[in-house]
Amino acid sequence: MNVETITPDKTLDTKGLSCPMPLLKTKKAMESISSGQILEIMGTDPGSKNDLPTWCERSGHAFLGDKEDSGFIRFFIQKG
C-alpha cells in the first residue's frame, strides 16, 4: 500500500508529545475504530518510528508506513 494514497478513517494529532504519550494516545484511538479501518497519527517524536511498528507487531495491527511532512511525520496503522 502506498502511503501517498491512503485515506485514513481517523486522524490523531500527537505533535509536540514525547514518548510514551504518542503510543498511549494511539492505543486509545485504536479502541475507537473498527477492524480494517486506518488510523493516521501525526507526530514529531522520532522515537515513534520504532515504537509504532513494534507495537503493531505485538498487538496484531498492520503498520502501513510513514511519511515525512513539513515539520512532522505521518504514520498509518490498520486495525487488526
C-alpha atoms as a PDB file:
ATOM      1  CA  MET A   1       0.000   0.000   0.000  1.00  0.00           C
ATOM      2  CA  ASN A   2       1.334   3.413  -0.991  1.00  0.00           C
ATOM      3  CA  VAL A   3       1.258   5.881   1.928  1.00  0.00           C
ATOM      4  CA  GLU A   4       0.635   8.702  -0.560  1.00  0.00           C
ATOM      5  CA  THR A   5      -2.776   7.262  -1.460  1.00  0.00           C
ATOM      6  CA  ILE A   6      -4.015   6.185   1.992  1.00  0.00           C
ATOM      7  CA  THR A   7      -7.250   7.784   3.167  1.00  0.00           C
ATOM      8  CA  PRO A   8      -7.416   7.386   6.953  1.00  0.00           C
ATOM      9  CA  ASP A   9     -10.682   6.731   8.770  1.00  0.00           C
ATOM     10  CA  LYS A  10      -9.451   8.708  11.788  1.00  0.00           C
ATOM     11  CA  THR A  11      -6.566  11.112  12.436  1.00  0.00           C
ATOM     12  CA  LEU A  12      -4.741  11.522  15.735  1.00  0.00           C
ATOM     13  CA  ASP A  13      -2.558  14.578  16.383  1.00  0.00           C
ATOM     14  CA  THR A  14       0.339  13.841  18.765  1.00  0.00           C
ATOM     15  CA  LYS A  15       2.608  16.670  17.582  1.00  0.00           C
ATOM     16  CA  GLY A  16       4.767  18.057  20.386  1.00  0.00           C
ATOM     17  CA  LEU A  17       4.288  14.992  22.603  1.00  0.00           C
ATOM     18  CA  SER A  18       7.210  12.778  23.545  1.00  0.00           C
ATOM     19  CA  CYS A  19       7.453   9.098  24.387  1.00  0.00           C
ATOM     20  CA  PRO A  20       5.388   7.363  25.697  1.00  0.00           C
ATOM     21  CA  MET A  21       2.430   9.720  25.095  1.00  0.00           C
ATOM     22  CA  PRO A  22       2.098   9.219  21.296  1.00  0.00           C
ATOM     23  CA  LEU A  23       1.916   5.446  21.784  1.00  0.00           C
ATOM     24  CA  LEU A  24      -0.549   5.691  24.695  1.00  0.00           C
ATOM     25  CA  LYS A  25      -2.821   8.004  22.696  1.00  0.00           C
ATOM     26  CA  THR A  26      -2.531   5.691  19.674  1.00  0.00           C
ATOM     27  CA  LYS A  27      -3.633   2.692  21.770  1.00  0.00           C
ATOM     28  CA  LYS A  28      -6.671   4.642  22.998  1.00  0.00           C
ATOM     29  CA  ALA A  29      -7.568   5.865  19.490  1.00  0.00           C
ATOM     30  CA  MET A  30      -7.352   2.308  18.111  1.00  0.00           C
ATOM     31  CA  GLU A  31     -10.137   1.294  20.507  1.00  0.00           C
ATOM     32  CA  SER A  32     -12.497   3.744  18.793  1.00  0.00           C
ATOM     33  CA  ILE A  33     -12.149   2.362  15.243  1.00  0.00           C
ATOM     34  CA  SER A  34     -13.292  -0.899  13.690  1.00  0.00           C
ATOM     35  CA  SER A  35     -11.179  -3.761  12.402  1.00  0.00           C
ATOM     36  CA  GLY A  36      -9.795  -2.914   8.958  1.00  0.00           C
ATOM     37  CA  GLN A  37     -10.044   0.833   9.450  1.00  0.00           C
ATOM     38  CA  ILE A  38      -6.962   3.042   9.194  1.00  0.00           C
ATOM     39  CA  LEU A  39      -5.643   5.426  11.838  1.00  0.00           C
ATOM     40  CA  GLU A  40      -3.286   8.231  10.847  1.00  0.00           C
ATOM     41  CA  ILE A  41      -1.002   9.520  13.595  1.00  0.00           C
ATOM     42  CA  MET A  42       0.694  12.885  13.113  1.00  0.00           C
ATOM     43  CA  GLY A  43       3.712  13.210  15.383  1.00  0.00           C
ATOM     44  CA  THR A  44       7.035  14.880  15.993  1.00  0.00           C
ATOM     45  CA  ASP A  45       8.663  12.304  18.317  1.00  0.00           C
ATOM     46  CA  PRO A  46      11.425  10.477  16.381  1.00  0.00           C
ATOM     47  CA  GLY A  47      11.049   7.515  18.765  1.00  0.00           C
ATOM     48  CA  SER A  48       7.650   6.769  17.232  1.00  0.00           C
ATOM     49  CA  LYS A  49       9.425   5.485  14.091  1.00  0.00           C
ATOM     50  CA  ASN A  50      10.492   2.473  16.195  1.00  0.00           C
ATOM     51  CA  ASP A  51       7.715   2.366  18.791  1.00  0.00           C
ATOM     52  CA  LEU A  52       4.687   2.235  16.488  1.00  0.00           C
ATOM     53  CA  PRO A  53       5.815  -0.602  14.135  1.00  0.00           C
ATOM     54  CA  THR A  54       6.994  -2.666  17.129  1.00  0.00           C
ATOM     55  CA  TRP A  55       3.715  -2.127  18.972  1.00  0.00           C
ATOM     56  CA  CYS A  56       1.748  -3.081  15.831  1.00  0.00           C
ATOM     57  CA  GLU A  57       3.626  -6.386  15.568  1.00  0.00           C
ATOM     58  CA  ARG A  58       2.880  -7.214  19.205  1.00  0.00           C
ATOM     59  CA  SER A  59      -0.767  -6.176  19.098  1.00  0.00           C
ATOM     60  CA  GLY A  60      -1.839  -7.629  15.738  1.00  0.00           C
ATOM     61  CA  HIS A  61      -2.266  -4.384  13.802  1.00  0.00           C
ATOM     62  CA  ALA A  62      -0.702  -3.619  10.411  1.00  0.00           C
ATOM     63  CA  PHE A  63       1.850  -0.804  10.252  1.00  0.00           C
ATOM     64  CA  LEU A  64       1.272   0.578   6.751  1.00  0.00           C
ATOM     65  CA  GLY A  65       4.184   3.012   6.769  1.00  0.00           C
ATOM     66  CA  ASP A  66       5.103   6.589   7.475  1.00  0.00           C
ATOM     67  CA  LYS A  67       5.930   9.697   5.527  1.00  0.00           C
ATOM     68  CA  GLU A  68       7.720  12.917   6.345  1.00  0.00           C
ATOM     69  CA  ASP A  69       5.600  16.044   6.183  1.00  0.00           C
ATOM     70  CA  SER A  70       6.570  19.659   6.869  1.00  0.00           C
ATOM     71  CA  GLY A  71       7.875  19.512  10.428  1.00  0.00           C
ATOM     72  CA  PHE A  72       6.193  16.253  11.435  1.00  0.00           C
ATOM     73  CA  ILE A  73       5.725  12.615  10.450  1.00  0.00           C
ATOM     74  CA  ARG A  74       2.511  10.859   9.405  1.00  0.00           C
ATOM     75  CA  PHE A  75       2.163   7.219  10.486  1.00  0.00           C
ATOM     76  CA  PHE A  76      -0.534   4.872   9.189  1.00  0.00           C
ATOM     77  CA  ILE A  77      -1.876   1.857  11.094  1.00  0.00           C
ATOM     78  CA  GLN A  78      -4.615  -0.524  10.016  1.00  0.00           C
ATOM     79  CA  LYS A  79      -6.531  -2.095  12.868  1.00  0.00           C
ATOM     80  CA  GLY A  80      -6.223  -5.869  13.036  1.00  0.00           C
END
